[in-house]
Amino acid sequence: MINFIIDAANEKIVLAIVAEKQSYTTTHINSRENFDNFMKLILNFFNKIKINISDLDRIYVNLGPGKFTSLRISLSIAKALSLSNSAILIGFKSDDLINKNYKNLVKFNKKKKSIKSLIKPIYSS
């Protein structure tokens, strides 16, 4: 099972893959330039680790609190990837992350404690 995590609610954009035996993470500065090229960042990340986007089973996206543009773009891309790949889309809040441990986020969801059905971003100014 391949889990893709998008966390753009904070000062850095974090893209992570958590698979059964491996995990990969990359970070980028949370800036307008990176959001203009957000899909390129994702594609470069997948090419670097040699994983096909169509192999994704679950996509996690941080719902905030965070900056409006960061959340809006990351959520839009997560929804598009989910729809195009029939992957399950799962929203999480920044509070669900403990010490930026994305592996625990996936374990947390397996216990059915995170939100799945309704995605409502939380914007902060």
PDB file of N, CA and C in Angstrom:
ATOM      1  N   MET A   1       0.840  -1.170   0.000  1.00  0.00           N
ATOM      2  CA  MET A   1       0.000   0.000   0.000  1.00  0.00           C
ATOM      3  C   MET A   1       0.892   1.242   0.000  1.00  0.00           C
ATOM      4  N   ILE A   2       0.620   2.144  -0.924  1.00  0.00           N
ATOM      5  CA  ILE A   2       1.408   3.367  -1.044  1.00  0.00           C
ATOM      6  C   ILE A   2       0.561   4.556  -0.605  1.00  0.00           C
ATOM      7  N   ASN A   3       1.033   5.253   0.413  1.00  0.00           N
ATOM      8  CA  ASN A   3       0.364   6.430   0.972  1.00  0.00           C
ATOM      9  C   ASN A   3       1.154   7.667   0.589  1.00  0.00           C
ATOM     10  N   PHE A   4       0.486   8.657   0.018  1.00  0.00           N
ATOM     11  CA  PHE A   4       1.113   9.917  -0.368  1.00  0.00           C
ATOM     12  C   PHE A   4       0.575  11.014   0.543  1.00  0.00           C
ATOM     13  N   ILE A   5       1.481  11.786   1.141  1.00  0.00           N
ATOM     14  CA  ILE A   5       1.094  12.818   2.094  1.00  0.00           C
ATOM     15  C   ILE A   5       1.534  14.178   1.577  1.00  0.00           C
ATOM     16  N   ILE A   6       0.588  15.118   1.565  1.00  0.00           N
ATOM     17  CA  ILE A   6       0.862  16.502   1.185  1.00  0.00           C
ATOM     18  C   ILE A   6       0.585  17.366   2.409  1.00  0.00           C
ATOM     19  N   ASP A   7       1.621  18.055   2.875  1.00  0.00           N
ATOM     20  CA  ASP A   7       1.481  18.930   4.034  1.00  0.00           C
ATOM     21  C   ASP A   7       2.049  20.297   3.675  1.00  0.00           C
ATOM     22  N   ALA A   8       1.160  21.233   3.359  1.00  0.00           N
ATOM     23  CA  ALA A   8       1.598  22.575   2.973  1.00  0.00           C
ATOM     24  C   ALA A   8       1.030  23.635   3.904  1.00  0.00           C
ATOM     25  N   ALA A   9       0.614  23.242   5.081  1.00  0.00           N
ATOM     26  CA  ALA A   9      -0.034  24.174   6.006  1.00  0.00           C
ATOM     27  C   ALA A   9       0.956  25.028   6.783  1.00  0.00           C
ATOM     28  N   ASN A  10       2.215  24.631   6.791  1.00  0.00           N
ATOM     29  CA  ASN A  10       3.197  25.330   7.618  1.00  0.00           C
ATOM     30  C   ASN A  10       4.229  26.062   6.771  1.00  0.00           C
ATOM     31  N   GLU A  11       5.387  26.360   7.342  1.00  0.00           N
ATOM     32  CA  GLU A  11       6.404  27.135   6.644  1.00  0.00           C
ATOM     33  C   GLU A  11       7.092  26.365   5.522  1.00  0.00           C
ATOM     34  N   LYS A  12       6.957  25.054   5.508  1.00  0.00           N
ATOM     35  CA  LYS A  12       7.538  24.239   4.447  1.00  0.00           C
ATOM     36  C   LYS A  12       6.472  23.354   3.821  1.00  0.00           C
ATOM     37  N   ILE A  13       6.661  23.070   2.555  1.00  0.00           N
ATOM     38  CA  ILE A  13       5.830  22.096   1.863  1.00  0.00           C
ATOM     39  C   ILE A  13       6.507  20.750   2.065  1.00  0.00           C
ATOM     40  N   VAL A  14       5.790  19.789   2.597  1.00  0.00           N
ATOM     41  CA  VAL A  14       6.339  18.458   2.806  1.00  0.00           C
ATOM     42  C   VAL A  14       5.557  17.487   1.937  1.00  0.00           C
ATOM     43  N   LEU A  15       6.293  16.736   1.120  1.00  0.00           N
ATOM     44  CA  LEU A  15       5.721  15.654   0.337  1.00  0.00           C
ATOM     45  C   LEU A  15       6.332  14.371   0.875  1.00  0.00           C
ATOM     46  N   ALA A  16       5.497  13.395   1.185  1.00  0.00           N
ATOM     47  CA  ALA A  16       6.010  12.157   1.765  1.00  0.00           C
ATOM     48  C   ALA A  16       5.299  10.954   1.163  1.00  0.00           C
ATOM     49  N   ILE A  17       6.050   9.895   1.023  1.00  0.00           N
ATOM     50  CA  ILE A  17       5.509   8.602   0.634  1.00  0.00           C
ATOM     51  C   ILE A  17       5.774   7.659   1.797  1.00  0.00           C
ATOM     52  N   VAL A  18       4.736   6.996   2.258  1.00  0.00           N
ATOM     53  CA  VAL A  18       4.888   5.979   3.290  1.00  0.00           C
ATOM     54  C   VAL A  18       4.335   4.690   2.693  1.00  0.00           C
ATOM     55  N   ALA A  19       5.237   3.779   2.382  1.00  0.00           N
ATOM     56  CA  ALA A  19       4.857   2.473   1.849  1.00  0.00           C
ATOM     57  C   ALA A  19       5.060   1.445   2.958  1.00  0.00           C
ATOM     58  N   GLU A  20       4.808   0.207   2.638  1.00  0.00           N
ATOM     59  CA  GLU A  20       4.888  -0.822   3.678  1.00  0.00           C
ATOM     60  C   GLU A  20       6.294  -0.988   4.238  1.00  0.00           C
ATOM     61  N   LYS A  21       7.311  -0.908   3.378  1.00  0.00           N
ATOM     62  CA  LYS A  21       8.666  -1.137   3.864  1.00  0.00           C
ATOM     63  C   LYS A  21       9.572   0.074   3.737  1.00  0.00           C
ATOM     64  N   GLN A  22       9.141   1.106   3.027  1.00  0.00           N
ATOM     65  CA  GLN A  22       9.989   2.261   2.790  1.00  0.00           C
ATOM     66  C   GLN A  22       9.210   3.547   2.996  1.00  0.00           C
ATOM     67  N   SER A  23       9.943   4.609   3.244  1.00  0.00           N
ATOM     68  CA  SER A  23       9.315   5.931   3.284  1.00  0.00           C
ATOM     69  C   SER A  23      10.302   6.946   2.697  1.00  0.00           C
ATOM     70  N   TYR A  24       9.738   7.951   2.057  1.00  0.00           N
ATOM     71  CA  TYR A  24      10.525   8.994   1.415  1.00  0.00           C
ATOM     72  C   TYR A  24       9.896  10.334   1.750  1.00  0.00           C
ATOM     73  N   THR A  25      10.737  11.344   1.904  1.00  0.00           N
ATOM     74  CA  THR A  25      10.234  12.680   2.214  1.00  0.00           C
ATOM     75  C   THR A  25      11.076  13.716   1.492  1.00  0.00           C
ATOM     76  N   THR A  26      10.414  14.763   1.036  1.00  0.00           N
ATOM     77  CA  THR A  26      11.112  15.914   0.478  1.00  0.00           C
ATOM     78  C   THR A  26      10.429  17.167   0.993  1.00  0.00           C
ATOM     79  N   THR A  27      11.197  18.228   1.162  1.00  0.00           N
ATOM     80  CA  THR A  27      10.633  19.486   1.643  1.00  0.00           C
ATOM     81  C   THR A  27      11.021  20.622   0.698  1.00  0.00           C
ATOM     82  N   HIS A  28      10.157  21.624   0.657  1.00  0.00           N
ATOM     83  CA  HIS A  28      10.382  22.818  -0.151  1.00  0.00           C
ATOM     84  C   HIS A  28       9.885  24.019   0.642  1.00  0.00           C
ATOM     85  N   ILE A  29      10.408  25.170   0.333  1.00  0.00           N
ATOM     86  CA  ILE A  29       9.959  26.396   0.983  1.00  0.00           C
ATOM     87  C   ILE A  29       8.518  26.671   0.558  1.00  0.00           C
ATOM     88  N   ASN A  30       7.692  27.077   1.500  1.00  0.00           N
ATOM     89  CA  ASN A  30       6.296  27.404   1.228  1.00  0.00           C
ATOM     90  C   ASN A  30       6.255  28.813   0.628  1.00  0.00           C
ATOM     91  N   SER A  31       6.395  28.877  -0.705  1.00  0.00           N
ATOM     92  CA  SER A  31       6.438  30.165  -1.382  1.00  0.00           C
ATOM     93  C   SER A  31       5.536  30.143  -2.611  1.00  0.00           C
ATOM     94  N   ARG A  32       5.241  31.294  -3.109  1.00  0.00           N
ATOM     95  CA  ARG A  32       4.383  31.392  -4.293  1.00  0.00           C
ATOM     96  C   ARG A  32       5.021  30.685  -5.490  1.00  0.00           C
ATOM     97  N   GLU A  33       6.316  30.834  -5.658  1.00  0.00           N
ATOM     98  CA  GLU A  33       7.008  30.199  -6.775  1.00  0.00           C
ATOM     99  C   GLU A  33       6.829  28.683  -6.739  1.00  0.00           C
ATOM    100  N   ASN A  34       6.917  28.105  -5.549  1.00  0.00           N
ATOM    101  CA  ASN A  34       6.753  26.653  -5.443  1.00  0.00           C
ATOM    102  C   ASN A  34       5.310  26.235  -5.683  1.00  0.00           C
ATOM    103  N   PHE A  35       4.352  27.078  -5.329  1.00  0.00           N
ATOM    104  CA  PHE A  35       2.966  26.717  -5.596  1.00  0.00           C
ATOM    105  C   PHE A  35       2.620  26.878  -7.063  1.00  0.00           C
ATOM    106  N   ASP A  36       3.313  27.794  -7.761  1.00  0.00           N
ATOM    107  CA  ASP A  36       3.124  27.893  -9.202  1.00  0.00           C
ATOM    108  C   ASP A  36       3.615  26.626  -9.903  1.00  0.00           C
ATOM    109  N   ASN A  37       4.577  25.958  -9.298  1.00  0.00           N
ATOM    110  CA  ASN A  37       5.168  24.735  -9.866  1.00  0.00           C
ATOM    111  C   ASN A  37       4.879  23.507  -9.011  1.00  0.00           C
ATOM    112  N   PHE A  38       3.801  23.535  -8.259  1.00  0.00           N
ATOM    113  CA  PHE A  38       3.524  22.474  -7.280  1.00  0.00           C
ATOM    114  C   PHE A  38       3.457  21.090  -7.924  1.00  0.00           C
ATOM    115  N   MET A  39       2.779  20.990  -9.055  1.00  0.00           N
ATOM    116  CA  MET A  39       2.660  19.684  -9.705  1.00  0.00           C
ATOM    117  C   MET A  39       4.016  19.205 -10.215  1.00  0.00           C
ATOM    118  N   LYS A  40       4.870  20.126 -10.652  1.00  0.00           N
ATOM    119  CA  LYS A  40       6.228  19.747 -11.066  1.00  0.00           C
ATOM    120  C   LYS A  40       7.013  19.187  -9.887  1.00  0.00           C
ATOM    121  N   LEU A  41       6.852  19.813  -8.716  1.00  0.00           N
ATOM    122  CA  LEU A  41       7.533  19.317  -7.515  1.00  0.00           C
ATOM    123  C   LEU A  41       7.106  17.884  -7.209  1.00  0.00           C
ATOM    124  N   ILE A  42       5.807  17.633  -7.342  1.00  0.00           N
ATOM    125  CA  ILE A  42       5.289  16.293  -7.073  1.00  0.00           C
ATOM    126  C   ILE A  42       5.817  15.293  -8.100  1.00  0.00           C
ATOM    127  N   LEU A  43       5.756  15.652  -9.369  1.00  0.00           N
ATOM    128  CA  LEU A  43       6.235  14.749 -10.423  1.00  0.00           C
ATOM    129  C   LEU A  43       7.728  14.465 -10.288  1.00  0.00           C
ATOM    130  N   ASN A  44       8.520  15.496  -9.972  1.00  0.00           N
ATOM    131  CA  ASN A  44       9.960  15.283  -9.759  1.00  0.00           C
ATOM    132  C   ASN A  44      10.215  14.356  -8.582  1.00  0.00           C
ATOM    133  N   PHE A  45       9.434  14.517  -7.517  1.00  0.00           N
ATOM    134  CA  PHE A  45       9.553  13.652  -6.340  1.00  0.00           C
ATOM    135  C   PHE A  45       9.263  12.197  -6.714  1.00  0.00           C
ATOM    136  N   PHE A  46       8.188  11.969  -7.442  1.00  0.00           N
ATOM    137  CA  PHE A  46       7.843  10.603  -7.844  1.00  0.00           C
ATOM    138  C   PHE A  46       8.866  10.015  -8.808  1.00  0.00           C
ATOM    139  N   ASN A  47       9.377  10.821  -9.727  1.00  0.00           N
ATOM    140  CA  ASN A  47      10.410  10.334 -10.651  1.00  0.00           C
ATOM    141  C   ASN A  47      11.684   9.970  -9.910  1.00  0.00           C
ATOM    142  N   LYS A  48      12.049  10.782  -8.926  1.00  0.00           N
ATOM    143  CA  LYS A  48      13.276  10.543  -8.163  1.00  0.00           C
ATOM    144  C   LYS A  48      13.216   9.222  -7.386  1.00  0.00           C
ATOM    145  N   ILE A  49      12.065   8.913  -6.820  1.00  0.00           N
ATOM    146  CA  ILE A  49      11.954   7.689  -6.016  1.00  0.00           C
ATOM    147  C   ILE A  49      11.404   6.513  -6.825  1.00  0.00           C
ATOM    148  N   LYS A  50      11.141   6.777  -8.118  1.00  0.00           N
ATOM    149  CA  LYS A  50      10.696   5.728  -9.051  1.00  0.00           C
ATOM    150  C   LYS A  50       9.380   5.066  -8.635  1.00  0.00           C
ATOM    151  N   ILE A  51       8.409   5.919  -8.308  1.00  0.00           N
ATOM    152  CA  ILE A  51       7.062   5.443  -8.013  1.00  0.00           C
ATOM    153  C   ILE A  51       6.115   6.122  -8.985  1.00  0.00           C
ATOM    154  N   ASN A  52       5.180   5.358  -9.521  1.00  0.00           N
ATOM    155  CA  ASN A  52       4.214   5.884 -10.466  1.00  0.00           C
ATOM    156  C   ASN A  52       3.011   6.449  -9.703  1.00  0.00           C
ATOM    157  N   ILE A  53       2.539   7.597 -10.123  1.00  0.00           N
ATOM    158  CA  ILE A  53       1.402   8.227  -9.447  1.00  0.00           C
ATOM    159  C   ILE A  53       0.173   7.319  -9.472  1.00  0.00           C
ATOM    160  N   SER A  54       0.038   6.537 -10.498  1.00  0.00           N
ATOM    161  CA  SER A  54      -1.132   5.651 -10.606  1.00  0.00           C
ATOM    162  C   SER A  54      -1.101   4.516  -9.579  1.00  0.00           C
ATOM    163  N   ASP A  55       0.016   4.335  -8.888  1.00  0.00           N
ATOM    164  CA  ASP A  55       0.131   3.281  -7.875  1.00  0.00           C
ATOM    165  C   ASP A  55      -0.325   3.727  -6.487  1.00  0.00           C
ATOM    166  N   LEU A  56      -0.746   4.984  -6.345  1.00  0.00           N
ATOM    167  CA  LEU A  56      -1.152   5.501  -5.041  1.00  0.00           C
ATOM    168  C   LEU A  56      -2.452   4.844  -4.578  1.00  0.00           C
ATOM    169  N   ASP A  57      -2.467   4.456  -3.311  1.00  0.00           N
ATOM    170  CA  ASP A  57      -3.677   3.885  -2.716  1.00  0.00           C
ATOM    171  C   ASP A  57      -4.429   4.913  -1.887  1.00  0.00           C
ATOM    172  N   ARG A  58      -3.684   5.729  -1.149  1.00  0.00           N
ATOM    173  CA  ARG A  58      -4.285   6.742  -0.285  1.00  0.00           C
ATOM    174  C   ARG A  58      -3.509   8.041  -0.399  1.00  0.00           C
ATOM    175  N   ILE A  59      -4.248   9.139  -0.368  1.00  0.00           N
ATOM    176  CA  ILE A  59      -3.636  10.460  -0.404  1.00  0.00           C
ATOM    177  C   ILE A  59      -4.107  11.211   0.834  1.00  0.00           C
ATOM    178  N   TYR A  60      -3.154  11.647   1.629  1.00  0.00           N
ATOM    179  CA  TYR A  60      -3.432  12.423   2.835  1.00  0.00           C
ATOM    180  C   TYR A  60      -3.114  13.880   2.540  1.00  0.00           C
ATOM    181  N   VAL A  61      -3.965  14.777   2.998  1.00  0.00           N
ATOM    182  CA  VAL A  61      -3.711  16.201   2.808  1.00  0.00           C
ATOM    183  C   VAL A  61      -4.001  16.936   4.115  1.00  0.00           C
ATOM    184  N   ASN A  62      -3.092  17.844   4.472  1.00  0.00           N
ATOM    185  CA  ASN A  62      -3.257  18.620   5.702  1.00  0.00           C
ATOM    186  C   ASN A  62      -4.323  19.687   5.481  1.00  0.00           C
ATOM    187  N   LEU A  63      -5.306  19.727   6.354  1.00  0.00           N
ATOM    188  CA  LEU A  63      -6.418  20.669   6.266  1.00  0.00           C
ATOM    189  C   LEU A  63      -6.189  21.943   7.068  1.00  0.00           C
ATOM    190  N   GLY A  64      -5.083  22.028   7.759  1.00  0.00           N
ATOM    191  CA  GLY A  64      -4.777  23.248   8.484  1.00  0.00           C
ATOM    192  C   GLY A  64      -4.851  23.085   9.983  1.00  0.00           C
ATOM    193  N   PRO A  65      -4.832  24.175  10.676  1.00  0.00           N
ATOM    194  CA  PRO A  65      -4.873  25.540  10.173  1.00  0.00           C
ATOM    195  C   PRO A  65      -3.608  25.892   9.397  1.00  0.00           C
ATOM    196  N   GLY A  66      -3.797  26.841   8.457  1.00  0.00           N
ATOM    197  CA  GLY A  66      -2.688  27.261   7.618  1.00  0.00           C
ATOM    198  C   GLY A  66      -3.098  28.383   6.698  1.00  0.00           C
ATOM    199  N   LYS A  67      -2.179  28.763   5.819  1.00  0.00           N
ATOM    200  CA  LYS A  67      -2.412  29.851   4.883  1.00  0.00           C
ATOM    201  C   LYS A  67      -3.413  29.426   3.811  1.00  0.00           C
ATOM    202  N   PHE A  68      -4.269  30.353   3.427  1.00  0.00           N
ATOM    203  CA  PHE A  68      -5.340  30.064   2.472  1.00  0.00           C
ATOM    204  C   PHE A  68      -4.808  29.472   1.172  1.00  0.00           C
ATOM    205  N   THR A  69      -3.843  30.135   0.547  1.00  0.00           N
ATOM    206  CA  THR A  69      -3.343  29.679  -0.748  1.00  0.00           C
ATOM    207  C   THR A  69      -2.684  28.307  -0.643  1.00  0.00           C
ATOM    208  N   SER A  70      -1.911  28.093   0.394  1.00  0.00           N
ATOM    209  CA  SER A  70      -1.240  26.803   0.587  1.00  0.00           C
ATOM    210  C   SER A  70      -2.242  25.668   0.690  1.00  0.00           C
ATOM    211  N   LEU A  71      -3.261  25.868   1.507  1.00  0.00           N
ATOM    212  CA  LEU A  71      -4.266  24.828   1.707  1.00  0.00           C
ATOM    213  C   LEU A  71      -5.119  24.627   0.460  1.00  0.00           C
ATOM    214  N   ARG A  72      -5.489  25.713  -0.179  1.00  0.00           N
ATOM    215  CA  ARG A  72      -6.341  25.626  -1.365  1.00  0.00           C
ATOM    216  C   ARG A  72      -5.648  24.851  -2.488  1.00  0.00           C
ATOM    217  N   ILE A  73      -4.388  25.161  -2.756  1.00  0.00           N
ATOM    218  CA  ILE A  73      -3.672  24.493  -3.845  1.00  0.00           C
ATOM    219  C   ILE A  73      -3.381  23.039  -3.495  1.00  0.00           C
ATOM    220  N   SER A  74      -2.931  22.777  -2.277  1.00  0.00           N
ATOM    221  CA  SER A  74      -2.620  21.391  -1.913  1.00  0.00           C
ATOM    222  C   SER A  74      -3.879  20.528  -1.908  1.00  0.00           C
ATOM    223  N   LEU A  75      -4.993  21.076  -1.446  1.00  0.00           N
ATOM    224  CA  LEU A  75      -6.250  20.334  -1.441  1.00  0.00           C
ATOM    225  C   LEU A  75      -6.754  20.089  -2.861  1.00  0.00           C
ATOM    226  N   SER A  76      -6.628  21.072  -3.730  1.00  0.00           N
ATOM    227  CA  SER A  76      -7.057  20.909  -5.125  1.00  0.00           C
ATOM    228  C   SER A  76      -6.259  19.815  -5.823  1.00  0.00           C
ATOM    229  N   ILE A  77      -4.956  19.819  -5.618  1.00  0.00           N
ATOM    230  CA  ILE A  77      -4.114  18.800  -6.242  1.00  0.00           C
ATOM    231  C   ILE A  77      -4.398  17.427  -5.652  1.00  0.00           C
ATOM    232  N   ALA A  78      -4.588  17.360  -4.348  1.00  0.00           N
ATOM    233  CA  ALA A  78      -4.893  16.076  -3.710  1.00  0.00           C
ATOM    234  C   ALA A  78      -6.212  15.511  -4.234  1.00  0.00           C
ATOM    235  N   LYS A  79      -7.220  16.363  -4.386  1.00  0.00           N
ATOM    236  CA  LYS A  79      -8.511  15.903  -4.914  1.00  0.00           C
ATOM    237  C   LYS A  79      -8.373  15.425  -6.356  1.00  0.00           C
ATOM    238  N   ALA A  80      -7.623  16.162  -7.169  1.00  0.00           N
ATOM    239  CA  ALA A  80      -7.431  15.770  -8.566  1.00  0.00           C
ATOM    240  C   ALA A  80      -6.698  14.439  -8.672  1.00  0.00           C
ATOM    241  N   LEU A  81      -5.646  14.259  -7.873  1.00  0.00           N
ATOM    242  CA  LEU A  81      -4.916  12.988  -7.880  1.00  0.00           C
ATOM    243  C   LEU A  81      -5.797  11.849  -7.402  1.00  0.00           C
ATOM    244  N   SER A  82      -6.603  12.108  -6.403  1.00  0.00           N
ATOM    245  CA  SER A  82      -7.501  11.093  -5.870  1.00  0.00           C
ATOM    246  C   SER A  82      -8.522  10.660  -6.922  1.00  0.00           C
ATOM    247  N   LEU A  83      -9.133  11.629  -7.582  1.00  0.00           N
ATOM    248  CA  LEU A  83     -10.132  11.315  -8.606  1.00  0.00           C
ATOM    249  C   LEU A  83      -9.527  10.591  -9.800  1.00  0.00           C
ATOM    250  N   SER A  84      -8.365  11.037 -10.236  1.00  0.00           N
ATOM    251  CA  SER A  84      -7.767  10.452 -11.437  1.00  0.00           C
ATOM    252  C   SER A  84      -7.180   9.062 -11.196  1.00  0.00           C
ATOM    253  N   ASN A  85      -6.894   8.736  -9.948  1.00  0.00           N
ATOM    254  CA  ASN A  85      -6.284   7.437  -9.640  1.00  0.00           C
ATOM    255  C   ASN A  85      -7.164   6.535  -8.796  1.00  0.00           C
ATOM    256  N   SER A  86      -8.375   6.944  -8.518  1.00  0.00           N
ATOM    257  CA  SER A  86      -9.280   6.196  -7.635  1.00  0.00           C
ATOM    258  C   SER A  86      -8.640   5.896  -6.286  1.00  0.00           C
ATOM    259  N   ALA A  87      -7.841   6.833  -5.800  1.00  0.00           N
ATOM    260  CA  ALA A  87      -7.197   6.685  -4.496  1.00  0.00           C
ATOM    261  C   ALA A  87      -8.108   7.293  -3.429  1.00  0.00           C
ATOM    262  N   ILE A  88      -8.016   6.761  -2.245  1.00  0.00           N
ATOM    263  CA  ILE A  88      -8.796   7.274  -1.121  1.00  0.00           C
ATOM    264  C   ILE A  88      -8.179   8.591  -0.659  1.00  0.00           C
ATOM    265  N   LEU A  89      -8.992   9.613  -0.486  1.00  0.00           N
ATOM    266  CA  LEU A  89      -8.521  10.917  -0.026  1.00  0.00           C
ATOM    267  C   LEU A  89      -8.853  11.066   1.456  1.00  0.00           C
ATOM    268  N   ILE A  90      -7.830  11.396   2.234  1.00  0.00           N
ATOM    269  CA  ILE A  90      -7.988  11.494   3.680  1.00  0.00           C
ATOM    270  C   ILE A  90      -7.461  12.842   4.147  1.00  0.00           C
ATOM    271  N   GLY A  91      -8.280  13.572   4.857  1.00  0.00           N
ATOM    272  CA  GLY A  91      -7.865  14.843   5.417  1.00  0.00           C
ATOM    273  C   GLY A  91      -7.378  14.669   6.841  1.00  0.00           C
ATOM    274  N   PHE A  92      -6.356  15.430   7.201  1.00  0.00           N
ATOM    275  CA  PHE A  92      -5.880  15.428   8.584  1.00  0.00           C
ATOM    276  C   PHE A  92      -5.588  16.859   8.994  1.00  0.00           C
ATOM    277  N   LYS A  93      -5.555  17.097  10.276  1.00  0.00           N
ATOM    278  CA  LYS A  93      -5.242  18.416  10.812  1.00  0.00           C
ATOM    279  C   LYS A  93      -3.817  18.419  11.340  1.00  0.00           C
ATOM    280  N   SER A  94      -3.255  19.589  11.423  1.00  0.00           N
ATOM    281  CA  SER A  94      -1.883  19.713  11.926  1.00  0.00           C
ATOM    282  C   SER A  94      -1.733  19.088  13.301  1.00  0.00           C
ATOM    283  N   ASP A  95      -2.791  19.141  14.102  1.00  0.00           N
ATOM    284  CA  ASP A  95      -2.755  18.561  15.449  1.00  0.00           C
ATOM    285  C   ASP A  95      -2.613  17.039  15.427  1.00  0.00           C
ATOM    286  N   ASP A  96      -2.992  16.400  14.305  1.00  0.00           N
ATOM    287  CA  ASP A  96      -2.876  14.944  14.193  1.00  0.00           C
ATOM    288  C   ASP A  96      -1.427  14.496  14.040  1.00  0.00           C
ATOM    289  N   LEU A  97      -0.558  15.423  13.651  1.00  0.00           N
ATOM    290  CA  LEU A  97       0.859  15.106  13.488  1.00  0.00           C
ATOM    291  C   LEU A  97       1.596  15.318  14.797  1.00  0.00           C
ATOM    292  N   ILE A  98       2.335  14.330  15.196  1.00  0.00           N
ATOM    293  CA  ILE A  98       3.160  14.452  16.394  1.00  0.00           C
ATOM    294  C   ILE A  98       4.608  14.422  15.940  1.00  0.00           C
ATOM    295  N   ASN A  99       5.310  15.526  16.133  1.00  0.00           N
ATOM    296  CA  ASN A  99       6.714  15.660  15.733  1.00  0.00           C
ATOM    297  C   ASN A  99       6.942  15.387  14.252  1.00  0.00           C
ATOM    298  N   LYS A 100       5.989  15.787  13.415  1.00  0.00           N
ATOM    299  CA  LYS A 100       6.090  15.603  11.958  1.00  0.00           C
ATOM    300  C   LYS A 100       6.350  14.147  11.573  1.00  0.00           C
ATOM    301  N   ASN A 101       5.786  13.223  12.324  1.00  0.00           N
ATOM    302  CA  ASN A 101       5.974  11.801  12.037  1.00  0.00           C
ATOM    303  C   ASN A 101       4.831  11.316  11.150  1.00  0.00           C
ATOM    304  N   TYR A 102       5.101  11.239   9.857  1.00  0.00           N
ATOM    305  CA  TYR A 102       4.067  10.873   8.897  1.00  0.00           C
ATOM    306  C   TYR A 102       3.744   9.376   8.935  1.00  0.00           C
ATOM    307  N   LYS A 103       4.684   8.568   9.368  1.00  0.00           N
ATOM    308  CA  LYS A 103       4.403   7.131   9.512  1.00  0.00           C
ATOM    309  C   LYS A 103       3.314   6.909  10.562  1.00  0.00           C
ATOM    310  N   ASN A 104       3.391   7.670  11.654  1.00  0.00           N
ATOM    311  CA  ASN A 104       2.366   7.550  12.695  1.00  0.00           C
ATOM    312  C   ASN A 104       1.007   8.027  12.211  1.00  0.00           C
ATOM    313  N   LEU A 105       0.994   8.992  11.310  1.00  0.00           N
ATOM    314  CA  LEU A 105      -0.255   9.475  10.732  1.00  0.00           C
ATOM    315  C   LEU A 105      -0.963   8.349   9.983  1.00  0.00           C
ATOM    316  N   VAL A 106      -0.207   7.576   9.224  1.00  0.00           N
ATOM    317  CA  VAL A 106      -0.779   6.446   8.484  1.00  0.00           C
ATOM    318  C   VAL A 106      -1.275   5.378   9.455  1.00  0.00           C
ATOM    319  N   LYS A 107      -0.496   5.099  10.510  1.00  0.00           N
ATOM    320  CA  LYS A 107      -0.930   4.132  11.527  1.00  0.00           C
ATOM    321  C   LYS A 107      -2.183   4.617  12.241  1.00  0.00           C
ATOM    322  N   PHE A 108      -2.229   5.928  12.533  1.00  0.00           N
ATOM    323  CA  PHE A 108      -3.364   6.549  13.188  1.00  0.00           C
ATOM    324  C   PHE A 108      -4.631   6.343  12.356  1.00  0.00           C
ATOM    325  N   ASN A 109      -4.512   6.505  11.052  1.00  0.00           N
ATOM    326  CA  ASN A 109      -5.660   6.349  10.168  1.00  0.00           C
ATOM    327  C   ASN A 109      -6.115   4.896  10.093  1.00  0.00           C
ATOM    328  N   LYS A 110      -5.188   3.959  10.149  1.00  0.00           N
ATOM    329  CA  LYS A 110      -5.566   2.545  10.102  1.00  0.00           C
ATOM    330  C   LYS A 110      -6.460   2.176  11.275  1.00  0.00           C
ATOM    331  N   LYS A 111      -6.338   2.932  12.365  1.00  0.00           N
ATOM    332  CA  LYS A 111      -7.192   2.690  13.534  1.00  0.00           C
ATOM    333  C   LYS A 111      -8.519   3.430  13.404  1.00  0.00           C
ATOM    334  N   LYS A 112      -8.757   4.031  12.218  1.00  0.00           N
ATOM    335  CA  LYS A 112     -10.024   4.715  11.907  1.00  0.00           C
ATOM    336  C   LYS A 112     -10.300   5.906  12.813  1.00  0.00           C
ATOM    337  N   LYS A 113      -9.252   6.646  13.164  1.00  0.00           N
ATOM    338  CA  LYS A 113      -9.455   7.782  14.048  1.00  0.00           C
ATOM    339  C   LYS A 113      -9.362   9.115  13.319  1.00  0.00           C
ATOM    340  N   SER A 114      -9.046   9.119  12.039  1.00  0.00           N
ATOM    341  CA  SER A 114      -8.961  10.396  11.331  1.00  0.00           C
ATOM    342  C   SER A 114     -10.189  10.604  10.459  1.00  0.00           C
ATOM    343  N   ILE A 115     -10.325  11.797   9.936  1.00  0.00           N
ATOM    344  CA  ILE A 115     -11.498  12.144   9.142  1.00  0.00           C
ATOM    345  C   ILE A 115     -11.302  11.626   7.725  1.00  0.00           C
ATOM    346  N   LYS A 116     -12.360  11.108   7.112  1.00  0.00           N
ATOM    347  CA  LYS A 116     -12.257  10.660   5.742  1.00  0.00           C
ATOM    348  C   LYS A 116     -13.290  11.313   4.853  1.00  0.00           C
ATOM    349  N   SER A 117     -14.484  11.431   5.321  1.00  0.00           N
ATOM    350  CA  SER A 117     -15.580  11.738   4.431  1.00  0.00           C
ATOM    351  C   SER A 117     -15.695  13.196   4.023  1.00  0.00           C
ATOM    352  N   LEU A 118     -15.626  14.106   4.941  1.00  0.00           N
ATOM    353  CA  LEU A 118     -15.876  15.502   4.634  1.00  0.00           C
ATOM    354  C   LEU A 118     -14.610  16.313   4.856  1.00  0.00           C
ATOM    355  N   ILE A 119     -14.167  16.980   3.823  1.00  0.00           N
ATOM    356  CA  ILE A 119     -12.935  17.741   3.920  1.00  0.00           C
ATOM    357  C   ILE A 119     -13.274  19.211   4.010  1.00  0.00           C
ATOM    358  N   LYS A 120     -12.935  19.813   5.154  1.00  0.00           N
ATOM    359  CA  LYS A 120     -13.168  21.238   5.386  1.00  0.00           C
ATOM    360  C   LYS A 120     -11.854  21.867   5.834  1.00  0.00           C
ATOM    361  N   PRO A 121     -11.179  22.595   4.939  1.00  0.00           N
ATOM    362  CA  PRO A 121      -9.928  23.230   5.350  1.00  0.00           C
ATOM    363  C   PRO A 121     -10.151  24.307   6.408  1.00  0.00           C
ATOM    364  N   ILE A 122      -9.148  24.523   7.236  1.00  0.00           N
ATOM    365  CA  ILE A 122      -9.196  25.551   8.276  1.00  0.00           C
ATOM    366  C   ILE A 122      -8.149  26.601   7.934  1.00  0.00           C
ATOM    367  N   TYR A 123      -8.585  27.777   7.553  1.00  0.00           N
ATOM    368  CA  TYR A 123      -7.668  28.834   7.162  1.00  0.00           C
ATOM    369  C   TYR A 123      -7.317  29.703   8.355  1.00  0.00           C
ATOM    370  N   SER A 124      -6.092  30.186   8.364  1.00  0.00           N
ATOM    371  CA  SER A 124      -5.684  31.143   9.394  1.00  0.00           C
ATOM    372  C   SER A 124      -5.037  32.326   8.713  1.00  0.00           C
ATOM    373  N   SER A 125      -5.047  33.451   9.381  1.00  0.00           N
ATOM    374  CA  SER A 125      -4.455  34.642   8.762  1.00  0.00           C
ATOM    375  C   SER A 125      -3.131  34.998   9.406  1.00  0.00           C
TER     376      SER A 125
END
